[in-house]
Amino acid sequence: MKKILIIGASGFIGNALYKELNSYFDTYGTYHTDNPFYEKNQKFFQYDMELEDISILLDNLKPTIIVSAIRGNFNAQLDAHQRIINWLKKNTSKLIFLSSANVFDTFSNYPSYEYDKTLSNSVYGRLKIKIENALMRLPTHKYVIARIPMIFGASTPRVQELKTLHDLKAPIEVFPNVIINATSISKLTQQLHYIINRGKKGIFHLGSTDLIYHLDLITEICDMLQLEHPTFKQVFDSNNDRYLAVLPKDNLLPKNLQITTRQVIDSIVIK
């Protein structure tokens, strides 16, 4: 049985993935902040990437697959991933790195595919690129880079934020000329499960197969949530349409694991 360690398993994506995988694999996770629930759970280890060396946990646990869903201090993230990469070189394990559409946020004239060149204007995007580049120096069977767009779903942080802003009668920021794709948390965890189960390698774009304007997507989600008369603050960061979308082309998943923006919107109310 595969032994999986999810680094950042107390976070939003990490926790959803832990729940998806736990019944099928020998699954472990890390958490950062003191938490009585995780302390009692023999499958969770407290880990502070700013103070601790992840190699010690890796040596003790010897996972066959490491999933990086960690957030926090950028320099500490870089250091932790370099330590994981060094450990991978000496062990028969693989890293699944959860990256972002932001690795392409400089390119605005077209959507991005798996093997397009990365370039980012944002600090966050540049962090992801640095880790991706370090990973790509390893043999391909040692890693999966999973680039993820905006994530929605009934209990996701983005949907909670929309509800909160609406309740506060605060404006919701939308980008009317930004064309994106998106995904749902339930589909994302199914896709990652498949990638792990089938021993996939390389780069995957885990977004919807079609595109939508950011304003249209948020408007439809607000309708689905029955938020009456939401206030939108329209942000125009350029005069032309701009793409921030990661589309799959080379590494296509089976049809049942693909998702459309319509299904993303519909996932908002599926409990």
Protein backbone atom coordinates (compact mmCIF):
# COMPACT_ATOMS: atom_id res chain seq x y z
CA MET A 1 0.00 0.00 0.00
CA LYS A 2 1.25 3.47 -0.90
CA LYS A 3 2.26 5.55 2.12
CA ILE A 4 1.29 9.20 1.57
CA LEU A 5 2.38 12.26 3.55
CA ILE A 6 0.42 15.47 2.95
CA ILE A 7 2.47 18.44 4.09
CA GLY A 8 -0.10 21.06 5.05
CA ALA A 9 -2.93 18.59 5.74
CA SER A 10 -4.66 20.98 8.14
CA GLY A 11 -5.13 23.58 5.40
CA PHE A 12 -8.13 23.79 3.08
CA ILE A 13 -6.82 21.75 0.11
CA GLY A 14 -4.63 19.48 2.23
CA ASN A 15 -7.49 18.54 4.53
CA ALA A 16 -9.92 17.85 1.66
CA LEU A 17 -7.26 15.66 0.04
CA TYR A 18 -6.57 13.81 3.30
CA LYS A 19 -10.29 12.95 3.56
CA GLU A 20 -10.32 11.78 -0.06
CA LEU A 21 -7.25 9.52 0.25
CA ASN A 22 -7.40 8.25 3.83
CA SER A 23 -9.73 5.29 3.13
CA TYR A 24 -7.62 4.05 0.21
CA PHE A 25 -3.99 4.62 1.24
CA ASP A 26 -1.85 4.73 4.36
CA THR A 27 -2.23 8.51 4.64
CA TYR A 28 -0.49 10.92 7.03
CA GLY A 29 -0.48 14.69 7.35
CA THR A 30 1.25 17.63 8.99
CA TYR A 31 -0.34 20.52 10.85
CA HIS A 32 1.22 23.74 12.13
CA THR A 33 -0.86 25.30 14.92
CA ASP A 34 -1.55 23.47 18.21
CA ASN A 35 -4.76 21.50 17.77
CA PRO A 36 -6.15 18.89 20.22
CA PHE A 37 -7.86 16.94 17.40
CA TYR A 38 -4.65 16.50 15.41
CA GLU A 39 -2.58 15.86 18.55
CA LYS A 40 -4.78 12.84 19.36
CA ASN A 41 -4.72 11.58 15.76
CA GLN A 42 -1.77 9.20 15.28
CA LYS A 43 -1.71 10.04 11.57
CA PHE A 44 -0.85 13.73 12.06
CA PHE A 45 2.50 15.30 12.92
CA GLN A 46 3.08 18.87 14.07
CA TYR A 47 5.58 20.61 11.79
CA ASP A 48 6.81 24.20 11.67
CA MET A 49 8.75 24.76 8.45
CA GLU A 50 10.38 27.92 9.84
CA LEU A 51 11.95 26.02 12.75
CA GLU A 52 12.15 22.35 11.77
CA ASP A 53 13.86 20.25 9.12
CA ILE A 54 11.27 18.23 7.16
CA SER A 55 13.97 15.61 6.39
CA ILE A 56 13.69 14.25 9.96
CA LEU A 57 9.99 13.45 9.51
CA LEU A 58 10.65 12.01 6.04
CA ASP A 59 13.40 9.75 7.39
CA ASN A 60 11.13 8.49 10.17
CA LEU A 61 7.99 7.99 8.08
CA LYS A 62 9.53 7.04 4.71
CA PRO A 63 6.49 8.01 2.58
CA THR A 64 6.30 6.70 -0.99
CA ILE A 65 4.43 9.85 -2.04
CA ILE A 66 4.74 13.36 -0.57
CA VAL A 67 2.04 15.92 -1.39
CA SER A 68 3.03 19.54 -0.83
CA ALA A 69 -0.01 21.63 0.06
CA ILE A 70 1.84 23.90 2.44
CA ARG A 71 1.38 27.67 2.83
CA GLY A 72 3.22 30.30 4.82
CA ASN A 73 6.54 32.14 4.79
CA PHE A 74 7.93 32.09 1.24
CA ASN A 75 11.61 31.70 2.18
CA ALA A 76 10.73 28.85 4.54
CA GLN A 77 8.71 27.20 1.74
CA LEU A 78 11.69 27.39 -0.62
CA ASP A 79 13.98 25.89 2.01
CA ALA A 80 11.52 23.09 2.89
CA HIS A 81 11.06 22.13 -0.76
CA GLN A 82 14.82 22.08 -1.36
CA ARG A 83 15.16 19.70 1.61
CA ILE A 84 12.37 17.50 0.19
CA ILE A 85 14.09 17.46 -3.22
CA ASN A 86 17.43 16.48 -1.62
CA TRP A 87 15.62 13.68 0.25
CA LEU A 88 13.92 12.49 -2.96
CA LYS A 89 17.32 12.10 -4.64
CA LYS A 90 18.27 9.47 -2.05
CA ASN A 91 14.91 7.70 -1.71
CA THR A 92 12.45 5.94 -4.01
CA SER A 93 9.69 8.48 -3.46
CA LYS A 94 7.79 11.07 -5.48
CA LEU A 95 6.59 14.62 -4.77
CA ILE A 96 3.22 15.96 -5.90
CA PHE A 97 3.58 19.74 -5.81
CA LEU A 98 0.41 21.83 -5.81
CA SER A 99 1.28 24.81 -7.97
CA SER A 100 -0.86 27.62 -9.36
CA ALA A 101 -2.13 29.29 -12.52
CA ASN A 102 -0.14 32.32 -11.26
CA VAL A 103 3.06 30.86 -12.73
CA PHE A 104 1.71 32.30 -16.00
CA ASP A 105 0.37 35.64 -14.75
CA THR A 106 2.67 37.65 -17.03
CA PHE A 107 1.29 36.04 -20.20
CA SER A 108 -2.03 37.68 -20.93
CA ASN A 109 -2.86 37.09 -24.60
CA TYR A 110 -3.74 33.41 -24.47
CA PRO A 111 -4.42 30.55 -22.04
CA SER A 112 -1.47 28.44 -20.89
CA TYR A 113 -0.80 24.74 -21.47
CA GLU A 114 1.34 22.27 -19.50
CA TYR A 115 4.67 22.77 -21.25
CA ASP A 116 4.42 26.50 -21.96
CA LYS A 117 7.19 28.69 -20.52
CA THR A 118 6.37 30.09 -17.09
CA LEU A 119 6.74 33.79 -16.24
CA SER A 120 5.17 35.73 -13.39
CA ASN A 121 4.88 39.32 -12.20
CA SER A 122 3.63 38.32 -8.75
CA VAL A 123 5.72 37.31 -5.74
CA TYR A 124 3.46 34.28 -5.28
CA GLY A 125 3.81 33.20 -8.91
CA ARG A 126 7.59 33.58 -8.78
CA LEU A 127 7.77 31.42 -5.64
CA LYS A 128 5.85 28.63 -7.38
CA ILE A 129 8.11 28.91 -10.46
CA LYS A 130 11.27 28.61 -8.32
CA ILE A 131 9.98 25.41 -6.72
CA GLU A 132 8.77 24.04 -10.09
CA ASN A 133 12.18 24.71 -11.68
CA ALA A 134 13.99 22.96 -8.83
CA LEU A 135 11.66 19.96 -9.20
CA MET A 136 12.11 19.78 -12.97
CA ARG A 137 15.83 19.10 -12.48
CA LEU A 138 14.81 15.71 -11.06
CA PRO A 139 13.94 12.73 -13.28
CA THR A 140 10.29 13.07 -14.41
CA HIS A 141 9.12 9.98 -12.50
CA LYS A 142 10.09 11.77 -9.27
CA TYR A 143 7.46 14.52 -9.45
CA VAL A 144 4.02 15.74 -10.46
CA ILE A 145 3.44 19.47 -10.82
CA ALA A 146 -0.29 20.11 -10.49
CA ARG A 147 -1.18 23.66 -11.53
CA ILE A 148 -4.49 24.75 -10.06
CA PRO A 149 -6.74 27.71 -10.88
CA MET A 150 -9.34 29.31 -8.54
CA ILE A 151 -11.14 26.69 -6.43
CA PHE A 152 -14.85 26.83 -5.62
CA GLY A 153 -17.34 24.57 -3.86
CA ALA A 154 -19.92 24.75 -1.08
CA SER A 155 -17.56 25.30 1.87
CA THR A 156 -14.50 26.74 0.14
CA PRO A 157 -12.79 29.92 1.41
CA ARG A 158 -13.68 31.83 -1.78
CA VAL A 159 -17.39 31.05 -1.43
CA GLN A 160 -17.34 31.87 2.30
CA GLU A 161 -15.70 35.19 1.46
CA LEU A 162 -18.43 36.02 -1.09
CA LYS A 163 -21.10 35.32 1.53
CA THR A 164 -19.29 37.40 4.16
CA LEU A 165 -18.78 40.39 1.86
CA HIS A 166 -22.44 40.24 0.84
CA ASP A 167 -23.59 40.08 4.49
CA LEU A 168 -21.40 43.08 5.29
CA LYS A 169 -22.77 44.90 2.22
CA ALA A 170 -19.12 45.28 1.16
CA PRO A 171 -18.10 45.38 -2.52
CA ILE A 172 -16.96 42.15 -4.19
CA GLU A 173 -13.88 42.66 -6.40
CA VAL A 174 -14.33 41.38 -9.95
CA PHE A 175 -12.13 41.61 -13.04
CA PRO A 176 -14.43 42.13 -16.04
CA ASN A 177 -11.76 41.61 -18.71
CA VAL A 178 -9.88 38.69 -17.15
CA ILE A 179 -10.67 35.31 -18.73
CA ILE A 180 -10.09 32.38 -16.39
CA ASN A 181 -10.87 28.77 -15.75
CA ALA A 182 -11.70 27.29 -12.36
CA THR A 183 -12.29 24.03 -10.54
CA SER A 184 -14.22 22.58 -7.59
CA ILE A 185 -12.55 21.16 -4.51
CA SER A 186 -14.32 17.81 -4.91
CA LYS A 187 -13.15 17.38 -8.52
CA LEU A 188 -9.60 18.48 -7.63
CA THR A 189 -9.26 15.83 -4.90
CA GLN A 190 -10.65 13.15 -7.27
CA GLN A 191 -8.11 14.17 -9.93
CA LEU A 192 -5.21 14.03 -7.47
CA HIS A 193 -6.45 10.62 -6.24
CA TYR A 194 -6.36 9.34 -9.83
CA ILE A 195 -2.86 10.80 -10.43
CA ILE A 196 -1.59 9.04 -7.28
CA ASN A 197 -3.41 5.76 -7.98
CA ARG A 198 -2.16 5.52 -11.57
CA GLY A 199 1.40 6.59 -10.78
CA LYS A 200 1.24 9.56 -13.15
CA LYS A 201 4.22 11.88 -13.64
CA GLY A 202 4.99 15.28 -15.14
CA ILE A 203 2.84 18.41 -15.33
CA PHE A 204 -0.96 18.54 -15.04
CA HIS A 205 -3.34 21.47 -15.49
CA LEU A 206 -6.29 20.77 -13.20
CA GLY A 207 -8.75 23.43 -14.32
CA SER A 208 -12.03 23.43 -16.20
CA THR A 209 -11.80 22.55 -19.89
CA ASP A 210 -13.56 25.79 -20.89
CA LEU A 211 -13.08 29.47 -20.03
CA ILE A 212 -15.22 32.24 -18.56
CA TYR A 213 -14.86 35.93 -17.69
CA HIS A 214 -14.13 36.40 -13.97
CA LEU A 215 -17.10 38.80 -13.64
CA ASP A 216 -19.49 36.28 -15.25
CA LEU A 217 -18.28 33.45 -13.02
CA ILE A 218 -18.67 35.44 -9.80
CA THR A 219 -22.08 36.77 -10.92
CA GLU A 220 -23.32 33.23 -11.60
CA ILE A 221 -21.97 31.97 -8.27
CA CYS A 222 -23.72 34.81 -6.43
CA ASP A 223 -26.96 33.83 -8.23
CA MET A 224 -26.43 30.20 -7.21
CA LEU A 225 -25.93 31.31 -3.59
CA GLN A 226 -29.07 33.49 -3.85
CA LEU A 227 -27.15 36.57 -2.75
CA GLU A 228 -29.51 39.41 -3.56
CA HIS A 229 -28.18 42.60 -5.15
CA PRO A 230 -24.48 42.01 -4.59
CA THR A 231 -22.24 45.08 -4.99
CA PHE A 232 -19.39 44.58 -7.43
CA LYS A 233 -16.22 46.63 -7.56
CA GLN A 234 -15.03 46.29 -11.14
CA VAL A 235 -11.24 46.32 -11.42
CA PHE A 236 -9.72 46.95 -14.84
CA ASP A 237 -6.01 46.14 -14.74
CA SER A 238 -5.64 46.51 -18.52
CA ASN A 239 -7.62 47.84 -21.47
CA ASN A 240 -7.73 44.49 -23.25
CA ASP A 241 -8.98 41.03 -22.38
CA ARG A 242 -6.39 39.17 -20.32
CA TYR A 243 -6.10 35.41 -19.81
CA LEU A 244 -5.19 33.72 -16.54
CA ALA A 245 -6.14 30.16 -17.37
CA VAL A 246 -4.38 26.78 -17.23
CA LEU A 247 -5.81 24.42 -19.84
CA PRO A 248 -4.91 20.72 -20.18
CA LYS A 249 -3.60 19.55 -23.56
CA ASP A 250 -0.77 17.02 -23.20
CA ASN A 251 -1.76 15.28 -19.96
CA LEU A 252 -5.51 14.85 -20.32
CA LEU A 253 -7.42 13.06 -17.58
CA PRO A 254 -10.32 10.68 -18.37
CA LYS A 255 -13.62 12.35 -19.31
CA ASN A 256 -15.22 11.60 -15.92
CA LEU A 257 -12.40 13.50 -14.21
CA GLN A 258 -12.67 16.60 -16.39
CA ILE A 259 -14.84 19.52 -15.33
CA THR A 260 -16.62 22.44 -17.02
CA THR A 261 -17.22 25.90 -15.58
CA ARG A 262 -20.94 25.03 -15.46
CA GLN A 263 -20.13 22.09 -13.16
CA VAL A 264 -17.90 24.35 -11.05
CA ILE A 265 -20.84 26.75 -10.55
CA ASP A 266 -23.22 23.87 -9.82
CA SER A 267 -20.79 22.49 -7.18
CA ILE A 268 -21.50 25.53 -4.99
CA VAL A 269 -24.73 24.07 -3.65
CA ILE A 270 -23.86 20.38 -3.64
CA LYS A 271 -23.32 19.44 0.01
